[in-house]
Amino acid sequence: MIIWINGAFGSGKSTVAEAIHRNIPRSFIYDPEQLRYFFWHVFPDERKRKENFQHIKMWRKANNP
């Protein structure tokens, strides 16, 4: 089963996901934001200024298999 939580920044998605995770044995949380942190850590500064991370092909491919 996949539970997809969508919403605006700061609306409590992570809090809800953590509450669900605590109550479903052997569940895990996949947070695509973690890939953004990785990309922004390794990408050169000029690329970071030009792009929204959601438009990076690698990010899209990793999150839309």
C-alpha atoms as a PDB file:
ATOM      1  CA  MET A   1       0.000   0.000   0.000  1.00  0.00           C
ATOM      2  CA  ILE A   2       1.214   3.501  -0.796  1.00  0.00           C
ATOM      3  CA  ILE A   3      -0.172   6.507   1.039  1.00  0.00           C
ATOM      4  CA  TRP A   4       0.633   9.663  -0.885  1.00  0.00           C
ATOM      5  CA  ILE A   5       0.396  12.889   1.100  1.00  0.00           C
ATOM      6  CA  ASN A   6       0.287  16.068  -0.930  1.00  0.00           C
ATOM      7  CA  GLY A   7      -0.077  19.670   0.153  1.00  0.00           C
ATOM      8  CA  ALA A   8       1.430  23.110   0.416  1.00  0.00           C
ATOM      9  CA  PHE A   9       4.791  23.812   2.041  1.00  0.00           C
ATOM     10  CA  GLY A  10       4.423  23.930   5.809  1.00  0.00           C
ATOM     11  CA  SER A  11       0.960  22.362   5.889  1.00  0.00           C
ATOM     12  CA  GLY A  12       1.956  19.429   8.123  1.00  0.00           C
ATOM     13  CA  LYS A  13       2.562  16.640   5.603  1.00  0.00           C
ATOM     14  CA  SER A  14       5.649  15.353   7.430  1.00  0.00           C
ATOM     15  CA  THR A  15       3.861  15.442  10.774  1.00  0.00           C
ATOM     16  CA  VAL A  16       0.970  13.410   9.372  1.00  0.00           C
ATOM     17  CA  ALA A  17       3.371  10.965   7.685  1.00  0.00           C
ATOM     18  CA  GLU A  18       5.248  10.425  10.958  1.00  0.00           C
ATOM     19  CA  ALA A  19       1.986   9.783  12.840  1.00  0.00           C
ATOM     20  CA  ILE A  20       0.899   7.233  10.236  1.00  0.00           C
ATOM     21  CA  HIS A  21       4.353   5.617  10.257  1.00  0.00           C
ATOM     22  CA  ARG A  22       4.227   5.145  14.039  1.00  0.00           C
ATOM     23  CA  ASN A  23       0.962   3.227  13.694  1.00  0.00           C
ATOM     24  CA  ILE A  24       1.718   0.956  10.722  1.00  0.00           C
ATOM     25  CA  PRO A  25       4.265  -1.780  11.457  1.00  0.00           C
ATOM     26  CA  ARG A  26       7.128  -2.206   8.932  1.00  0.00           C
ATOM     27  CA  SER A  27       6.187   1.034   7.170  1.00  0.00           C
ATOM     28  CA  PHE A  28       8.643   3.660   5.993  1.00  0.00           C
ATOM     29  CA  ILE A  29       8.555   7.253   4.831  1.00  0.00           C
ATOM     30  CA  TYR A  30       9.915   8.180   1.418  1.00  0.00           C
ATOM     31  CA  ASP A  31      10.547  11.913   1.279  1.00  0.00           C
ATOM     32  CA  PRO A  32      11.503  13.248  -2.172  1.00  0.00           C
ATOM     33  CA  GLU A  33      12.761  16.435  -0.522  1.00  0.00           C
ATOM     34  CA  GLN A  34      15.842  14.465   0.564  1.00  0.00           C
ATOM     35  CA  LEU A  35      16.894  14.234  -3.106  1.00  0.00           C
ATOM     36  CA  ARG A  36      16.597  18.002  -3.384  1.00  0.00           C
ATOM     37  CA  TYR A  37      19.017  18.424  -0.473  1.00  0.00           C
ATOM     38  CA  PHE A  38      21.461  16.067  -2.184  1.00  0.00           C
ATOM     39  CA  PHE A  39      21.230  17.878  -5.548  1.00  0.00           C
ATOM     40  CA  TRP A  40      21.660  21.287  -3.948  1.00  0.00           C
ATOM     41  CA  HIS A  41      24.706  20.005  -2.058  1.00  0.00           C
ATOM     42  CA  VAL A  42      26.485  18.660  -5.162  1.00  0.00           C
ATOM     43  CA  PHE A  43      25.301  21.023  -7.942  1.00  0.00           C
ATOM     44  CA  PRO A  44      27.357  24.096  -8.829  1.00  0.00           C
ATOM     45  CA  ASP A  45      25.992  27.423  -7.583  1.00  0.00           C
ATOM     46  CA  GLU A  46      25.150  28.736 -11.059  1.00  0.00           C
ATOM     47  CA  ARG A  47      22.847  25.773 -11.685  1.00  0.00           C
ATOM     48  CA  LYS A  48      21.159  26.157  -8.314  1.00  0.00           C
ATOM     49  CA  ARG A  49      20.216  29.757  -9.133  1.00  0.00           C
ATOM     50  CA  LYS A  50      18.735  28.815 -12.526  1.00  0.00           C
ATOM     51  CA  GLU A  51      16.535  25.850 -11.667  1.00  0.00           C
ATOM     52  CA  ASN A  52      13.666  24.816  -9.480  1.00  0.00           C
ATOM     53  CA  PHE A  53      14.688  21.364  -8.228  1.00  0.00           C
ATOM     54  CA  GLN A  54      11.368  19.877  -9.420  1.00  0.00           C
ATOM     55  CA  HIS A  55      12.416  20.574 -13.016  1.00  0.00           C
ATOM     56  CA  ILE A  56      15.686  18.656 -12.764  1.00  0.00           C
ATOM     57  CA  LYS A  57      15.334  15.543 -14.934  1.00  0.00           C
ATOM     58  CA  MET A  58      17.152  13.326 -12.420  1.00  0.00           C
ATOM     59  CA  TRP A  59      14.761  14.380  -9.641  1.00  0.00           C
ATOM     60  CA  ARG A  60      11.696  13.764 -11.809  1.00  0.00           C
ATOM     61  CA  LYS A  61      12.925  10.357 -12.916  1.00  0.00           C
ATOM     62  CA  ALA A  62      13.739   9.307  -9.341  1.00  0.00           C
ATOM     63  CA  ASN A  63      10.259  10.322  -8.174  1.00  0.00           C
ATOM     64  CA  ASN A  64       8.203   9.107 -11.136  1.00  0.00           C
ATOM     65  CA  PRO A  65       9.433   5.589 -11.928  1.00  0.00           C
END
